[in-house]
Amino acid sequence: LVIIMEWSFWPSFGVYIWEAIILMKILSIIVGAIVDAQIGDNLLSAPVMTAMGLVQGIVTMSSKDFMDFLLSYIVGFGFLILERMYIGPLQSNAFNWLHSAVVKAIERLKEVLGRADKTRSSDGDGNQISGEEATETLEPLIGSFASYSCDTLSLLYTPFIMIVVVVFRDEAEITKLYGIKESDMEFYVLFALAIIPFQFIADMFLQNALELLHGWKILEYLEF
């Protein structure tokens, strides 16, 4: 996260802000997968992903002007829709398919070399059954809600971080390095505050779309 902040101080960072936002979104997916694999619990990895979202929100202030800042938010929101609707729900399936493909390739190689295990077929049937049972669990839904919670916390914390940057302008020097005037920072703070209710409305539509697209019983899960 410190490296991303230092990278945002690059003078030409605002010129390539859209590309940087997409790169950071992809990086957050990779980092999230690595952290989840190491920790093994979405709750424990939530603070890391929330901090990642906060950093992404702060570095967008390095845009050339306020209009580019607004356009950068639109680009980030568009990628957020793709991540919520397709990338996140299908990420585990893609990793499982890749893992099974590698395992099958290794088994085929063993067969060619004459060292295949005779009990491979029976073990494969058991793994297939357990895999089918695993897909019927609530893990994709819980993972989606964990990602939504991290994004919501980042959204709520961003105005506070901006206010801290304004109050400690001389100590932090972030706005000076971004070339933002002290009088212009109020527009960034007001936008961060004004966008919160509209983001909640958009999240409601996204949750409904997830329920229709993937067949998740989100309402029943919340009521239960």
C-alpha atoms as a PDB file:
ATOM      1  CA  LEU A   1       0.000   0.000   0.000  1.00  0.00           C
ATOM      2  CA  VAL A   2       2.878   2.363   0.739  1.00  0.00           C
ATOM      3  CA  ILE A   3       4.349   1.575  -2.673  1.00  0.00           C
ATOM      4  CA  ILE A   4       1.039   2.486  -4.349  1.00  0.00           C
ATOM      5  CA  MET A   5       0.947   5.804  -2.462  1.00  0.00           C
ATOM      6  CA  GLU A   6       4.541   6.572  -3.443  1.00  0.00           C
ATOM      7  CA  TRP A   7       3.726   5.634  -7.039  1.00  0.00           C
ATOM      8  CA  SER A   8       0.829   8.120  -7.035  1.00  0.00           C
ATOM      9  CA  PHE A   9       3.302  10.951  -6.336  1.00  0.00           C
ATOM     10  CA  TRP A  10       4.800  10.387  -9.794  1.00  0.00           C
ATOM     11  CA  PRO A  11       4.191  13.614 -11.810  1.00  0.00           C
ATOM     12  CA  SER A  12       2.701  11.711 -14.769  1.00  0.00           C
ATOM     13  CA  PHE A  13       0.455   9.504 -12.613  1.00  0.00           C
ATOM     14  CA  GLY A  14      -2.542  11.759 -13.222  1.00  0.00           C
ATOM     15  CA  VAL A  15      -2.098  11.437 -16.984  1.00  0.00           C
ATOM     16  CA  TYR A  16      -2.483   7.646 -16.818  1.00  0.00           C
ATOM     17  CA  ILE A  17      -4.988   7.644 -13.960  1.00  0.00           C
ATOM     18  CA  TRP A  18      -7.548   5.459 -15.772  1.00  0.00           C
ATOM     19  CA  GLU A  19      -4.978   2.799 -16.588  1.00  0.00           C
ATOM     20  CA  ALA A  20      -3.688   3.011 -13.022  1.00  0.00           C
ATOM     21  CA  ILE A  21      -7.183   2.475 -11.591  1.00  0.00           C
ATOM     22  CA  ILE A  22      -7.772  -0.636 -13.708  1.00  0.00           C
ATOM     23  CA  LEU A  23      -4.315  -1.952 -12.771  1.00  0.00           C
ATOM     24  CA  MET A  24      -5.021  -1.391  -9.063  1.00  0.00           C
ATOM     25  CA  LYS A  25      -8.392  -3.151  -9.353  1.00  0.00           C
ATOM     26  CA  ILE A  26      -6.720  -6.188 -10.924  1.00  0.00           C
ATOM     27  CA  LEU A  27      -3.971  -6.037  -8.301  1.00  0.00           C
ATOM     28  CA  SER A  28      -6.560  -5.977  -5.507  1.00  0.00           C
ATOM     29  CA  ILE A  29      -8.135  -9.177  -6.882  1.00  0.00           C
ATOM     30  CA  ILE A  30      -4.744 -10.913  -6.943  1.00  0.00           C
ATOM     31  CA  VAL A  31      -3.816  -9.644  -3.485  1.00  0.00           C
ATOM     32  CA  GLY A  32      -7.217 -10.708  -2.127  1.00  0.00           C
ATOM     33  CA  ALA A  33      -6.762 -14.235  -3.476  1.00  0.00           C
ATOM     34  CA  ILE A  34      -3.253 -14.467  -1.980  1.00  0.00           C
ATOM     35  CA  VAL A  35      -4.337 -13.137   1.424  1.00  0.00           C
ATOM     36  CA  ASP A  36      -7.374 -15.446   1.545  1.00  0.00           C
ATOM     37  CA  ALA A  37      -5.176 -18.431   0.677  1.00  0.00           C
ATOM     38  CA  GLN A  38      -2.657 -17.569   3.392  1.00  0.00           C
ATOM     39  CA  ILE A  39      -5.114 -16.642   6.157  1.00  0.00           C
ATOM     40  CA  GLY A  40      -7.975 -18.937   5.162  1.00  0.00           C
ATOM     41  CA  ASP A  41     -10.682 -16.629   6.521  1.00  0.00           C
ATOM     42  CA  ASN A  42     -12.505 -13.769   4.797  1.00  0.00           C
ATOM     43  CA  LEU A  43     -13.067 -11.961   8.085  1.00  0.00           C
ATOM     44  CA  LEU A  44      -9.347 -11.808   8.818  1.00  0.00           C
ATOM     45  CA  SER A  45      -8.505 -10.583   5.311  1.00  0.00           C
ATOM     46  CA  ALA A  46     -11.222  -7.896   5.354  1.00  0.00           C
ATOM     47  CA  PRO A  47      -9.026  -5.190   6.995  1.00  0.00           C
ATOM     48  CA  VAL A  48      -6.370  -5.634   4.322  1.00  0.00           C
ATOM     49  CA  MET A  49      -8.873  -5.305   1.483  1.00  0.00           C
ATOM     50  CA  THR A  50     -10.551  -2.324   3.178  1.00  0.00           C
ATOM     51  CA  ALA A  51      -7.194  -0.563   3.410  1.00  0.00           C
ATOM     52  CA  MET A  52      -6.603  -1.404  -0.242  1.00  0.00           C
ATOM     53  CA  GLY A  53      -9.898   0.263  -1.168  1.00  0.00           C
ATOM     54  CA  LEU A  54      -9.027   3.339   0.902  1.00  0.00           C
ATOM     55  CA  VAL A  55      -5.695   3.726  -0.863  1.00  0.00           C
ATOM     56  CA  GLN A  56      -7.400   3.405  -4.241  1.00  0.00           C
ATOM     57  CA  GLY A  57      -9.825   6.144  -3.278  1.00  0.00           C
ATOM     58  CA  ILE A  58      -7.063   8.484  -2.104  1.00  0.00           C
ATOM     59  CA  VAL A  59      -4.753   8.081  -5.096  1.00  0.00           C
ATOM     60  CA  THR A  60      -7.549   9.074  -7.498  1.00  0.00           C
ATOM     61  CA  MET A  61      -7.103  12.625  -6.171  1.00  0.00           C
ATOM     62  CA  SER A  62      -3.877  12.728  -8.160  1.00  0.00           C
ATOM     63  CA  SER A  63      -5.928  13.335 -11.314  1.00  0.00           C
ATOM     64  CA  LYS A  64      -5.078  16.426 -13.336  1.00  0.00           C
ATOM     65  CA  ASP A  65      -8.233  18.234 -12.239  1.00  0.00           C
ATOM     66  CA  PHE A  66     -11.575  17.638 -10.552  1.00  0.00           C
ATOM     67  CA  MET A  67     -13.240  16.594 -13.813  1.00  0.00           C
ATOM     68  CA  ASP A  68     -10.680  13.842 -14.322  1.00  0.00           C
ATOM     69  CA  PHE A  69     -11.306  12.839 -10.717  1.00  0.00           C
ATOM     70  CA  LEU A  70     -15.020  12.393 -11.490  1.00  0.00           C
ATOM     71  CA  LEU A  71     -14.272  10.434 -14.647  1.00  0.00           C
ATOM     72  CA  SER A  72     -11.849   8.261 -12.686  1.00  0.00           C
ATOM     73  CA  TYR A  73     -14.633   7.446 -10.241  1.00  0.00           C
ATOM     74  CA  ILE A  74     -16.884   6.433 -13.154  1.00  0.00           C
ATOM     75  CA  VAL A  75     -14.173   4.122 -14.505  1.00  0.00           C
ATOM     76  CA  GLY A  76     -13.675   2.592 -11.061  1.00  0.00           C
ATOM     77  CA  PHE A  77     -17.405   2.133 -10.602  1.00  0.00           C
ATOM     78  CA  GLY A  78     -17.681   0.402 -13.984  1.00  0.00           C
ATOM     79  CA  PHE A  79     -14.958  -2.051 -13.023  1.00  0.00           C
ATOM     80  CA  LEU A  80     -16.686  -2.513  -9.654  1.00  0.00           C
ATOM     81  CA  ILE A  81     -19.818  -3.689 -11.482  1.00  0.00           C
ATOM     82  CA  LEU A  82     -17.783  -6.202 -13.499  1.00  0.00           C
ATOM     83  CA  GLU A  83     -16.033  -7.411 -10.347  1.00  0.00           C
ATOM     84  CA  ARG A  84     -19.272  -7.820  -8.370  1.00  0.00           C
ATOM     85  CA  MET A  85     -21.288  -9.418 -11.175  1.00  0.00           C
ATOM     86  CA  TYR A  86     -18.799 -11.652 -12.981  1.00  0.00           C
ATOM     87  CA  ILE A  87     -15.190 -11.642 -11.757  1.00  0.00           C
ATOM     88  CA  GLY A  88     -15.865 -12.263  -8.060  1.00  0.00           C
ATOM     89  CA  PRO A  89     -18.544 -14.987  -8.362  1.00  0.00           C
ATOM     90  CA  LEU A  90     -16.671 -16.829 -11.127  1.00  0.00           C
ATOM     91  CA  GLN A  91     -13.200 -16.440  -9.635  1.00  0.00           C
ATOM     92  CA  SER A  92     -13.351 -19.546  -7.439  1.00  0.00           C
ATOM     93  CA  ASN A  93     -14.781 -21.626 -10.294  1.00  0.00           C
ATOM     94  CA  ALA A  94     -11.972 -20.505 -12.579  1.00  0.00           C
ATOM     95  CA  PHE A  95      -9.326 -21.390  -9.989  1.00  0.00           C
ATOM     96  CA  ASN A  96     -10.947 -24.783  -9.335  1.00  0.00           C
ATOM     97  CA  TRP A  97     -11.089 -25.529 -13.061  1.00  0.00           C
ATOM     98  CA  LEU A  98      -7.443 -24.555 -13.469  1.00  0.00           C
ATOM     99  CA  HIS A  99      -6.447 -26.736 -10.501  1.00  0.00           C
ATOM    100  CA  SER A 100      -8.393 -29.741 -11.823  1.00  0.00           C
ATOM    101  CA  ALA A 101      -6.910 -29.254 -15.292  1.00  0.00           C
ATOM    102  CA  VAL A 102      -3.376 -29.269 -13.879  1.00  0.00           C
ATOM    103  CA  VAL A 103      -4.129 -32.372 -11.778  1.00  0.00           C
ATOM    104  CA  LYS A 104      -5.552 -34.217 -14.798  1.00  0.00           C
ATOM    105  CA  ALA A 105      -2.552 -33.238 -16.894  1.00  0.00           C
ATOM    106  CA  ILE A 106      -0.187 -34.617 -14.246  1.00  0.00           C
ATOM    107  CA  GLU A 107      -2.196 -37.851 -14.036  1.00  0.00           C
ATOM    108  CA  ARG A 108      -2.110 -38.243 -17.816  1.00  0.00           C
ATOM    109  CA  LEU A 109       1.627 -37.716 -17.739  1.00  0.00           C
ATOM    110  CA  LYS A 110       1.958 -40.427 -15.083  1.00  0.00           C
ATOM    111  CA  GLU A 111      -0.111 -42.775 -17.239  1.00  0.00           C
ATOM    112  CA  VAL A 112       2.188 -42.194 -20.166  1.00  0.00           C
ATOM    113  CA  LEU A 113       5.213 -42.861 -17.990  1.00  0.00           C
ATOM    114  CA  GLY A 114       3.585 -46.033 -16.630  1.00  0.00           C
ATOM    115  CA  ARG A 115       3.361 -44.859 -13.036  1.00  0.00           C
ATOM    116  CA  ALA A 116      -0.355 -44.221 -12.778  1.00  0.00           C
ATOM    117  CA  ASP A 117      -2.086 -45.215  -9.578  1.00  0.00           C
ATOM    118  CA  LYS A 118      -4.637 -48.002  -9.985  1.00  0.00           C
ATOM    119  CA  THR A 119      -6.977 -46.416  -7.523  1.00  0.00           C
ATOM    120  CA  ARG A 120      -7.073 -43.110  -9.389  1.00  0.00           C
ATOM    121  CA  SER A 121     -10.531 -43.693 -10.822  1.00  0.00           C
ATOM    122  CA  SER A 122     -12.142 -44.398  -7.467  1.00  0.00           C
ATOM    123  CA  ASP A 123     -10.442 -41.410  -5.869  1.00  0.00           C
ATOM    124  CA  GLY A 124     -11.517 -39.239  -8.762  1.00  0.00           C
ATOM    125  CA  ASP A 125     -15.154 -40.187  -8.291  1.00  0.00           C
ATOM    126  CA  GLY A 126     -14.995 -39.263  -4.608  1.00  0.00           C
ATOM    127  CA  ASN A 127     -13.353 -35.934  -5.363  1.00  0.00           C
ATOM    128  CA  GLN A 128     -15.983 -35.179  -7.979  1.00  0.00           C
ATOM    129  CA  ILE A 129     -18.798 -35.822  -5.506  1.00  0.00           C
ATOM    130  CA  SER A 130     -17.199 -33.680  -2.835  1.00  0.00           C
ATOM    131  CA  GLY A 131     -16.623 -30.944  -5.414  1.00  0.00           C
ATOM    132  CA  GLU A 132     -20.266 -30.997  -6.404  1.00  0.00           C
ATOM    133  CA  GLU A 133     -21.270 -30.751  -2.767  1.00  0.00           C
ATOM    134  CA  ALA A 134     -18.909 -27.830  -2.225  1.00  0.00           C
ATOM    135  CA  THR A 135     -20.454 -25.857  -5.063  1.00  0.00           C
ATOM    136  CA  GLU A 136     -23.829 -26.022  -3.361  1.00  0.00           C
ATOM    137  CA  THR A 137     -22.621 -24.248  -0.229  1.00  0.00           C
ATOM    138  CA  LEU A 138     -22.953 -20.570   0.617  1.00  0.00           C
ATOM    139  CA  GLU A 139     -19.280 -19.789   0.067  1.00  0.00           C
ATOM    140  CA  PRO A 140     -19.776 -17.730  -3.156  1.00  0.00           C
ATOM    141  CA  LEU A 141     -22.534 -15.690  -1.536  1.00  0.00           C
ATOM    142  CA  ILE A 142     -20.522 -15.093   1.644  1.00  0.00           C
ATOM    143  CA  GLY A 143     -17.472 -14.138  -0.401  1.00  0.00           C
ATOM    144  CA  SER A 144     -19.523 -11.644  -2.378  1.00  0.00           C
ATOM    145  CA  PHE A 145     -20.885 -10.104   0.820  1.00  0.00           C
ATOM    146  CA  ALA A 146     -17.366  -9.900   2.260  1.00  0.00           C
ATOM    147  CA  SER A 147     -16.206  -7.973  -0.803  1.00  0.00           C
ATOM    148  CA  TYR A 148     -19.277  -5.730  -0.595  1.00  0.00           C
ATOM    149  CA  SER A 149     -18.588  -5.026   3.092  1.00  0.00           C
ATOM    150  CA  CYS A 150     -14.986  -4.041   2.399  1.00  0.00           C
ATOM    151  CA  ASP A 151     -16.066  -1.689  -0.402  1.00  0.00           C
ATOM    152  CA  THR A 152     -18.713  -0.138   1.846  1.00  0.00           C
ATOM    153  CA  LEU A 153     -16.245   0.464   4.673  1.00  0.00           C
ATOM    154  CA  SER A 154     -13.813   2.049   2.231  1.00  0.00           C
ATOM    155  CA  LEU A 155     -16.607   4.278   0.949  1.00  0.00           C
ATOM    156  CA  LEU A 156     -17.508   5.452   4.456  1.00  0.00           C
ATOM    157  CA  TYR A 157     -13.916   5.982   5.580  1.00  0.00           C
ATOM    158  CA  THR A 158     -12.800   7.931   2.494  1.00  0.00           C
ATOM    159  CA  PRO A 159     -14.358  11.287   3.543  1.00  0.00           C
ATOM    160  CA  PHE A 160     -12.723  11.000   6.964  1.00  0.00           C
ATOM    161  CA  ILE A 161      -9.315  10.354   5.391  1.00  0.00           C
ATOM    162  CA  MET A 162      -9.792  13.352   3.072  1.00  0.00           C
ATOM    163  CA  ILE A 163     -10.653  15.576   6.021  1.00  0.00           C
ATOM    164  CA  VAL A 164      -7.509  14.400   7.822  1.00  0.00           C
ATOM    165  CA  VAL A 165      -5.478  15.226   4.706  1.00  0.00           C
ATOM    166  CA  VAL A 166      -6.998  18.715   4.630  1.00  0.00           C
ATOM    167  CA  VAL A 167      -6.451  19.388   8.339  1.00  0.00           C
ATOM    168  CA  PHE A 168      -2.859  18.134   8.242  1.00  0.00           C
ATOM    169  CA  ARG A 169      -2.081  19.588   4.839  1.00  0.00           C
ATOM    170  CA  ASP A 170       1.403  20.814   5.746  1.00  0.00           C
ATOM    171  CA  GLU A 171       2.351  17.639   7.626  1.00  0.00           C
ATOM    172  CA  ALA A 172       1.062  15.112   5.058  1.00  0.00           C
ATOM    173  CA  GLU A 173       1.884  17.189   1.936  1.00  0.00           C
ATOM    174  CA  ILE A 174      -0.313  14.856  -0.110  1.00  0.00           C
ATOM    175  CA  THR A 175      -2.411  17.623  -1.627  1.00  0.00           C
ATOM    176  CA  LYS A 176       0.728  19.625  -2.398  1.00  0.00           C
ATOM    177  CA  LEU A 177       2.266  16.706  -4.240  1.00  0.00           C
ATOM    178  CA  TYR A 178      -1.011  16.162  -6.109  1.00  0.00           C
ATOM    179  CA  GLY A 179      -1.178  19.847  -7.020  1.00  0.00           C
ATOM    180  CA  ILE A 180      -4.563  20.429  -5.342  1.00  0.00           C
ATOM    181  CA  LYS A 181      -5.307  23.855  -3.903  1.00  0.00           C
ATOM    182  CA  GLU A 182      -6.525  24.048  -0.336  1.00  0.00           C
ATOM    183  CA  SER A 183      -9.728  25.773  -1.452  1.00  0.00           C
ATOM    184  CA  ASP A 184     -10.433  23.000  -3.979  1.00  0.00           C
ATOM    185  CA  MET A 185     -10.251  20.187  -1.437  1.00  0.00           C
ATOM    186  CA  GLU A 186     -13.759  20.991  -0.225  1.00  0.00           C
ATOM    187  CA  PHE A 187     -15.124  19.783  -3.567  1.00  0.00           C
ATOM    188  CA  TYR A 188     -13.388  16.429  -3.153  1.00  0.00           C
ATOM    189  CA  VAL A 189     -14.721  16.059   0.386  1.00  0.00           C
ATOM    190  CA  LEU A 190     -18.251  17.084  -0.618  1.00  0.00           C
ATOM    191  CA  PHE A 191     -18.227  14.598  -3.489  1.00  0.00           C
ATOM    192  CA  ALA A 192     -17.034  11.800  -1.186  1.00  0.00           C
ATOM    193  CA  LEU A 193     -19.915  12.590   1.176  1.00  0.00           C
ATOM    194  CA  ALA A 194     -22.593  13.131  -1.485  1.00  0.00           C
ATOM    195  CA  ILE A 195     -21.839   9.897  -3.328  1.00  0.00           C
ATOM    196  CA  ILE A 196     -22.498   7.668  -0.291  1.00  0.00           C
ATOM    197  CA  PRO A 197     -26.335   7.433  -0.497  1.00  0.00           C
ATOM    198  CA  PHE A 198     -26.262   6.984  -4.271  1.00  0.00           C
ATOM    199  CA  GLN A 199     -23.661   4.220  -3.888  1.00  0.00           C
ATOM    200  CA  PHE A 200     -25.974   2.453  -1.430  1.00  0.00           C
ATOM    201  CA  ILE A 201     -28.823   2.648  -3.975  1.00  0.00           C
ATOM    202  CA  ALA A 202     -26.539   1.244  -6.677  1.00  0.00           C
ATOM    203  CA  ASP A 203     -25.511  -1.575  -4.318  1.00  0.00           C
ATOM    204  CA  MET A 204     -29.158  -2.528  -3.827  1.00  0.00           C
ATOM    205  CA  PHE A 205     -29.613  -2.874  -7.577  1.00  0.00           C
ATOM    206  CA  LEU A 206     -26.377  -4.866  -7.817  1.00  0.00           C
ATOM    207  CA  GLN A 207     -27.519  -7.263  -5.091  1.00  0.00           C
ATOM    208  CA  ASN A 208     -30.805  -7.778  -6.931  1.00  0.00           C
ATOM    209  CA  ALA A 209     -28.928  -8.391 -10.185  1.00  0.00           C
ATOM    210  CA  LEU A 210     -26.676 -10.926  -8.453  1.00  0.00           C
ATOM    211  CA  GLU A 211     -29.727 -12.762  -7.157  1.00  0.00           C
ATOM    212  CA  LEU A 212     -31.226 -12.946 -10.653  1.00  0.00           C
ATOM    213  CA  LEU A 213     -28.013 -13.735 -12.531  1.00  0.00           C
ATOM    214  CA  HIS A 214     -26.480 -16.381 -10.273  1.00  0.00           C
ATOM    215  CA  GLY A 215     -29.625 -17.673  -8.582  1.00  0.00           C
ATOM    216  CA  TRP A 216     -28.436 -16.754  -5.116  1.00  0.00           C
ATOM    217  CA  LYS A 217     -31.083 -16.554  -2.382  1.00  0.00           C
ATOM    218  CA  ILE A 218     -29.657 -13.375  -0.891  1.00  0.00           C
ATOM    219  CA  LEU A 219     -32.876 -12.209   0.763  1.00  0.00           C
ATOM    220  CA  GLU A 220     -33.481 -15.597   2.342  1.00  0.00           C
ATOM    221  CA  TYR A 221     -29.888 -15.713   3.568  1.00  0.00           C
ATOM    222  CA  LEU A 222     -30.208 -12.280   5.205  1.00  0.00           C
ATOM    223  CA  GLU A 223     -33.544 -13.136   6.804  1.00  0.00           C
ATOM    224  CA  PHE A 224     -32.161 -16.421   8.116  1.00  0.00           C
END
